[in-house]
Amino acid sequence: MDKRFASVEFAKDRGLEQPLRQELMSWRPSGRAVVAAVCYRQQADGEVEFLLVRTRAGRWTFPKGGVDGDSTAAIAAAREAYEEAGVHGRVEETAFTWYLHHKNASNAHTVNAHLCRVHRVETPGELFRTPRWFSAEGAKRRLREERPSLYAEELERVVDQAVRRVERRAPRASLSNLN
């Protein structure tokens, strides 16, 4: 197993040996470590699509949550992708970016975003999540809905960076059979 990646199956067996290398700047908010799984698939024509889930409030977002007893942040991201979106996939060990999650005007925390290449999707454990695939532009549109502009810009930046990172790689086989 390539140690740059994590998966639900691998996490169950052993856990990863290398901790996530984070370069936290002193001005970033501190507290509980939070991760997001930026779940994607690449169509045969090269288009990158993102799997978003609904929050309890009905907004679209990436699967995310705390690193709660997980041996690495990547394993936590894989767990969140599985619990919230039913995703089985390959999660990069190192976060490709971070963003500030704004619960309200005075409460923000850092979220480390990990790319997750989706292999298959099943019904998520959290049934209210209703995972759905979106084009990059569609994902940015959904992530902007009902959010303050600063937070919306952060999420749009995550999508743009994810697209650039995925497109730098060799084209992947189509995963169009996923819902």
Protein backbone atom coordinates (compact mmCIF):
# COMPACT_ATOMS: atom_id res chain seq x y z
CA MET A 1 0.00 0.00 0.00
CA ASP A 2 1.30 3.42 -0.96
CA LYS A 3 1.70 5.38 2.29
CA ARG A 4 0.61 8.62 0.61
CA PHE A 5 -2.95 7.35 0.61
CA ALA A 6 -5.50 6.10 3.11
CA SER A 7 -8.68 4.14 2.67
CA VAL A 8 -11.42 2.87 4.90
CA GLU A 9 -10.27 -0.71 4.35
CA PHE A 10 -6.61 0.08 5.10
CA ALA A 11 -7.53 2.14 8.15
CA LYS A 12 -9.45 -0.80 9.58
CA ASP A 13 -6.44 -3.08 9.17
CA ARG A 14 -3.41 -1.11 10.32
CA GLY A 15 -3.48 2.65 10.21
CA LEU A 16 -0.80 4.69 8.49
CA GLU A 17 2.73 5.03 9.79
CA GLN A 18 3.46 8.60 8.80
CA PRO A 19 1.60 11.42 10.55
CA LEU A 20 0.14 14.21 8.46
CA ARG A 21 2.73 16.91 7.80
CA GLN A 22 1.01 20.18 8.55
CA GLU A 23 2.59 23.56 8.18
CA LEU A 24 0.28 25.53 10.43
CA MET A 25 0.85 29.25 10.48
CA SER A 26 0.67 31.00 13.83
CA TRP A 27 -2.39 33.05 12.87
CA ARG A 28 -4.56 30.05 12.03
CA PRO A 29 -7.26 29.25 14.59
CA SER A 30 -6.32 26.44 16.95
CA GLY A 31 -8.39 23.75 18.62
CA ARG A 32 -9.80 20.43 17.48
CA ALA A 33 -8.23 19.08 14.28
CA VAL A 34 -10.84 19.02 11.50
CA VAL A 35 -10.49 17.42 8.06
CA ALA A 36 -12.53 17.34 4.87
CA ALA A 37 -12.61 14.68 2.18
CA VAL A 38 -12.80 16.42 -1.20
CA CYS A 39 -14.32 13.45 -3.04
CA TYR A 40 -13.92 13.42 -6.81
CA ARG A 41 -14.13 11.32 -9.94
CA GLN A 42 -12.80 12.08 -13.40
CA GLN A 43 -14.93 11.35 -16.44
CA ALA A 44 -13.51 9.84 -19.64
CA ASP A 45 -13.51 13.33 -21.22
CA GLY A 46 -11.34 14.60 -18.33
CA GLU A 47 -14.11 16.51 -16.53
CA VAL A 48 -13.67 16.45 -12.76
CA GLU A 49 -16.81 15.98 -10.68
CA PHE A 50 -17.22 16.40 -6.94
CA LEU A 51 -19.41 14.52 -4.49
CA LEU A 52 -21.05 16.88 -2.01
CA VAL A 53 -23.32 16.08 0.93
CA ARG A 54 -26.01 18.09 2.67
CA THR A 55 -25.63 19.44 6.18
CA ARG A 56 -28.46 19.19 8.69
CA ALA A 57 -29.33 22.77 7.68
CA GLY A 58 -29.64 21.70 4.02
CA ARG A 59 -26.45 23.34 2.67
CA TRP A 60 -24.08 21.43 0.40
CA THR A 61 -20.58 20.74 1.70
CA PHE A 62 -17.65 18.33 1.60
CA PRO A 63 -17.76 15.41 4.06
CA LYS A 64 -15.84 16.67 7.08
CA GLY A 65 -15.32 16.14 10.77
CA GLY A 66 -12.82 15.86 13.56
CA VAL A 67 -9.75 13.70 13.89
CA ASP A 68 -11.23 11.80 16.81
CA GLY A 69 -8.99 8.92 17.81
CA ASP A 70 -7.89 8.30 14.22
CA SER A 71 -4.20 7.50 13.76
CA THR A 72 -3.84 10.11 10.99
CA ALA A 73 -5.80 12.98 9.50
CA ALA A 74 -6.09 11.07 6.20
CA ILE A 75 -7.74 8.14 7.95
CA ALA A 76 -10.15 10.58 9.60
CA ALA A 77 -10.97 12.05 6.17
CA ALA A 78 -11.55 8.54 4.78
CA ARG A 79 -13.85 7.75 7.72
CA GLU A 80 -15.83 10.97 7.22
CA ALA A 81 -16.20 10.25 3.48
CA TYR A 82 -17.53 6.80 4.29
CA GLU A 83 -19.87 7.85 7.13
CA GLU A 84 -21.33 10.93 5.41
CA ALA A 85 -21.24 9.96 1.73
CA GLY A 86 -20.83 6.16 1.63
CA VAL A 87 -17.54 6.61 -0.24
CA HIS A 88 -14.94 3.92 -0.69
CA GLY A 89 -11.88 5.57 -2.16
CA ARG A 90 -8.28 6.56 -1.92
CA VAL A 91 -7.45 9.54 0.29
CA GLU A 92 -4.16 11.41 -0.08
CA GLU A 93 -2.14 11.28 3.14
CA THR A 94 -1.17 14.95 2.99
CA ALA A 95 -3.77 17.71 2.84
CA PHE A 96 -3.59 19.58 -0.46
CA THR A 97 -4.98 22.79 1.04
CA TRP A 98 -6.84 24.16 4.04
CA TYR A 99 -9.76 26.50 4.48
CA LEU A 100 -11.53 28.32 7.26
CA HIS A 101 -14.92 26.90 8.15
CA HIS A 102 -17.17 29.66 9.45
CA LYS A 103 -19.94 28.45 11.74
CA ASN A 104 -20.90 32.09 12.34
CA ALA A 105 -19.30 35.53 12.18
CA SER A 106 -17.24 34.99 15.33
CA ASN A 107 -16.50 31.26 15.15
CA ALA A 108 -14.12 29.83 12.54
CA HIS A 109 -11.72 26.91 12.52
CA THR A 110 -9.18 25.47 10.11
CA VAL A 111 -10.16 22.48 7.99
CA ASN A 112 -7.40 20.48 6.28
CA ALA A 113 -8.68 19.26 2.90
CA HIS A 114 -7.64 15.85 1.56
CA LEU A 115 -8.35 14.67 -1.97
CA CYS A 116 -10.33 11.43 -2.14
CA ARG A 117 -10.49 9.60 -5.45
CA VAL A 118 -13.79 7.72 -5.30
CA HIS A 119 -13.81 4.05 -6.29
CA ARG A 120 -17.41 3.32 -5.37
CA VAL A 121 -20.32 4.74 -3.41
CA GLU A 122 -22.88 3.01 -1.24
CA THR A 123 -25.72 4.35 0.90
CA PRO A 124 -24.17 6.51 3.63
CA GLY A 125 -24.68 5.81 7.31
CA GLU A 126 -26.03 9.33 7.81
CA LEU A 127 -29.14 9.11 5.62
CA PHE A 128 -29.96 12.85 5.67
CA ARG A 129 -26.69 13.60 3.82
CA THR A 130 -28.02 12.73 0.31
CA PRO A 131 -24.67 12.69 -1.56
CA ARG A 132 -24.77 14.06 -5.11
CA TRP A 133 -22.26 14.52 -7.93
CA PHE A 134 -21.62 18.00 -9.37
CA SER A 135 -19.37 19.42 -12.06
CA ALA A 136 -16.71 21.77 -10.69
CA GLU A 137 -18.82 24.80 -11.59
CA GLY A 138 -21.94 23.17 -10.17
CA ALA A 139 -20.11 22.34 -6.94
CA LYS A 140 -18.90 25.93 -6.58
CA ARG A 141 -22.44 27.20 -7.20
CA ARG A 142 -23.88 24.85 -4.54
CA LEU A 143 -21.11 25.65 -2.04
CA ARG A 144 -21.85 29.40 -2.43
CA GLU A 145 -25.54 29.01 -1.54
CA GLU A 146 -26.61 30.61 1.76
CA ARG A 147 -23.05 31.33 2.85
CA PRO A 148 -21.22 34.58 3.60
CA SER A 149 -19.08 35.63 0.63
CA LEU A 150 -15.76 35.14 2.46
CA TYR A 151 -16.61 31.54 3.32
CA ALA A 152 -18.02 30.89 -0.16
CA GLU A 153 -14.75 32.16 -1.70
CA GLU A 154 -12.76 29.78 0.54
CA LEU A 155 -14.80 26.79 -0.68
CA GLU A 156 -14.57 27.88 -4.33
CA ARG A 157 -10.78 28.10 -3.95
CA VAL A 158 -10.72 24.52 -2.62
CA VAL A 159 -12.62 23.29 -5.71
CA ASP A 160 -10.32 25.21 -8.07
CA GLN A 161 -7.19 23.84 -6.38
CA ALA A 162 -8.59 20.30 -6.43
CA VAL A 163 -9.33 20.53 -10.17
CA ARG A 164 -5.80 21.76 -10.90
CA ARG A 165 -4.27 18.98 -8.81
CA VAL A 166 -6.38 16.23 -10.41
CA GLU A 167 -5.80 17.53 -13.95
CA ARG A 168 -2.01 17.48 -13.43
CA ARG A 169 -2.20 13.72 -13.07
CA ALA A 170 -2.61 11.21 -15.88
CA PRO A 171 -6.26 10.85 -16.91
CA ARG A 172 -8.10 8.25 -14.87
CA ALA A 173 -10.55 5.65 -16.10
CA SER A 174 -14.14 6.78 -16.21
CA LEU A 175 -16.13 6.17 -13.08
CA SER A 176 -19.43 7.11 -14.72
CA ASN A 177 -21.15 4.05 -13.28
CA LEU A 178 -21.15 5.73 -9.84
CA ASN A 179 -24.35 7.51 -8.85
